[in-house]
Amino acid sequence: MDNPSGTNGTLASNRPYMDRFLDKLRNSGNVRLACHAADIPRRTVYNWRNKYATFRDEWDEAMEDACDILEAEAWKRSVDGQSDRLLMFLLMAHRPDKYKERHDITTDGKPIQFVDIGENVGEL
């Protein structure tokens, strides 16, 4: 297949190229690598993402699949007794709601109290 020319054509006419890119993205989680492996210019996939809501949704789903693969590998390594900080950083980047660092800031076990100091700021 020749490289697609960007946003020219229709969703249907670009579908074979899109599917090839999405398959590579799903298995790498990396846009640059997926573009290279699918032989599609990076600008083209971003044009499609902006033009077609369906493609944008499929892209997001492919990234979720890639994160699932990454999470499964992290789980396997932890069960096998291996440690890989890089995997943790990748999971934190792609699944922050689940893996981000959380800090509980308290004073003597009590929540911090904020006081309105009003106009007396210079007296601190």
Protein backbone atom coordinates (compact mmCIF):
# COMPACT_ATOMS: atom_id res chain seq x y z
CA MET A 1 0.00 0.00 0.00
CA ASP A 2 1.19 3.50 -0.71
CA ASN A 3 1.32 5.98 2.12
CA PRO A 4 -1.95 7.84 2.64
CA SER A 5 -1.81 11.55 1.95
CA GLY A 6 -3.19 12.75 5.26
CA THR A 7 -6.78 13.81 5.54
CA ASN A 8 -7.56 13.22 1.85
CA GLY A 9 -10.10 10.53 1.23
CA THR A 10 -12.80 9.23 3.49
CA LEU A 11 -12.81 7.30 6.71
CA ALA A 12 -13.60 4.18 4.69
CA SER A 13 -10.83 4.71 2.13
CA ASN A 14 -8.26 5.33 4.88
CA ARG A 15 -9.50 2.40 7.01
CA PRO A 16 -6.82 -0.17 5.93
CA TYR A 17 -4.05 2.29 6.89
CA MET A 18 -5.77 3.23 10.11
CA ASP A 19 -6.22 -0.40 11.13
CA ARG A 20 -2.56 -1.12 10.45
CA PHE A 21 -1.49 1.86 12.58
CA LEU A 22 -3.92 0.98 15.41
CA ASP A 23 -2.66 -2.61 15.50
CA LYS A 24 0.93 -1.39 15.87
CA LEU A 25 -0.09 1.22 18.47
CA ARG A 26 -2.00 -1.38 20.47
CA ASN A 27 1.12 -3.51 20.71
CA SER A 28 3.66 -0.76 21.35
CA GLY A 29 1.88 2.13 23.07
CA ASN A 30 4.14 4.47 21.08
CA VAL A 31 2.88 6.67 18.24
CA ARG A 32 6.28 7.13 16.58
CA LEU A 33 7.02 3.38 16.57
CA ALA A 34 3.51 2.55 15.36
CA CYS A 35 3.80 5.04 12.49
CA HIS A 36 7.18 3.65 11.51
CA ALA A 37 6.03 0.02 11.68
CA ALA A 38 2.86 0.82 9.71
CA ASP A 39 4.79 2.99 7.21
CA ILE A 40 2.47 5.97 7.78
CA PRO A 41 3.68 9.54 8.38
CA ARG A 42 3.17 10.76 11.93
CA ARG A 43 1.41 13.92 10.70
CA THR A 44 -1.10 11.76 8.86
CA VAL A 45 -2.28 9.90 11.96
CA TYR A 46 -2.64 13.16 13.87
CA ASN A 47 -4.66 14.60 10.96
CA TRP A 48 -6.93 11.55 11.12
CA ARG A 49 -7.22 11.87 14.89
CA ASN A 50 -8.37 15.48 14.51
CA LYS A 51 -10.72 14.75 11.61
CA TYR A 52 -12.40 11.48 12.62
CA ALA A 53 -13.98 11.03 16.06
CA THR A 54 -14.25 7.30 15.37
CA PHE A 55 -10.52 7.01 14.76
CA ARG A 56 -9.77 9.15 17.84
CA ASP A 57 -11.88 6.77 19.97
CA GLU A 58 -10.14 3.72 18.46
CA TRP A 59 -6.74 5.33 19.13
CA ASP A 60 -7.68 5.88 22.79
CA GLU A 61 -8.89 2.28 23.02
CA ALA A 62 -5.63 1.02 21.46
CA MET A 63 -3.66 2.97 24.10
CA GLU A 64 -5.80 1.39 26.83
CA ASP A 65 -5.00 -2.02 25.34
CA ALA A 66 -1.29 -1.15 25.36
CA CYS A 67 -1.54 -0.14 29.02
CA ASP A 68 -3.32 -3.42 29.80
CA ILE A 69 -0.40 -5.30 28.23
CA LEU A 70 2.04 -3.20 30.26
CA GLU A 71 0.09 -3.78 33.46
CA ALA A 72 0.00 -7.53 32.83
CA GLU A 73 3.79 -7.53 32.37
CA ALA A 74 4.27 -5.56 35.58
CA TRP A 75 2.04 -8.05 37.42
CA LYS A 76 3.98 -11.00 35.96
CA ARG A 77 7.32 -9.48 36.97
CA SER A 78 6.16 -8.75 40.50
CA VAL A 79 4.91 -12.33 40.93
CA ASP A 80 8.20 -13.66 39.51
CA GLY A 81 10.15 -11.59 42.05
CA GLN A 82 11.58 -9.19 39.48
CA SER A 83 11.67 -5.46 39.95
CA ASP A 84 11.52 -2.99 37.13
CA ARG A 85 11.14 0.69 37.99
CA LEU A 86 10.73 1.63 34.35
CA LEU A 87 7.50 -0.34 34.17
CA MET A 88 6.23 1.51 37.23
CA PHE A 89 7.03 4.88 35.68
CA LEU A 90 5.24 3.91 32.48
CA LEU A 91 2.21 2.76 34.42
CA MET A 92 2.22 6.01 36.42
CA ALA A 93 2.30 8.00 33.17
CA HIS A 94 -0.48 6.08 31.43
CA ARG A 95 -2.68 5.18 34.40
CA PRO A 96 -2.16 8.04 36.87
CA ASP A 97 -5.57 7.51 38.48
CA LYS A 98 -4.38 4.09 39.57
CA TYR A 99 -0.60 4.41 39.98
CA LYS A 100 0.24 8.05 40.76
CA GLU A 101 2.00 8.85 44.00
CA ARG A 102 -0.29 10.17 46.68
CA HIS A 103 0.73 12.30 49.63
CA ASP A 104 -1.33 12.76 52.77
CA ILE A 105 -0.31 16.03 54.36
CA THR A 106 -1.30 16.26 58.01
CA THR A 107 0.03 17.76 61.21
CA ASP A 108 0.02 15.37 64.19
CA GLY A 109 -2.59 13.31 62.40
CA LYS A 110 -4.91 16.29 61.96
CA PRO A 111 -5.74 18.01 58.66
CA ILE A 112 -3.99 21.30 57.96
CA GLN A 113 -6.06 24.32 58.98
CA PHE A 114 -5.91 27.32 56.63
CA VAL A 115 -6.41 30.69 58.25
CA ASP A 116 -7.36 33.90 56.45
CA ILE A 117 -4.73 36.41 57.51
CA GLY A 118 -6.42 39.27 55.69
CA GLU A 119 -4.53 42.55 55.64
CA ASN A 120 -1.93 41.53 58.23
CA VAL A 121 0.33 39.78 55.70
CA GLY A 122 3.26 42.13 56.47
CA GLU A 123 3.20 41.14 60.15
CA LEU A 124 4.16 37.49 59.60
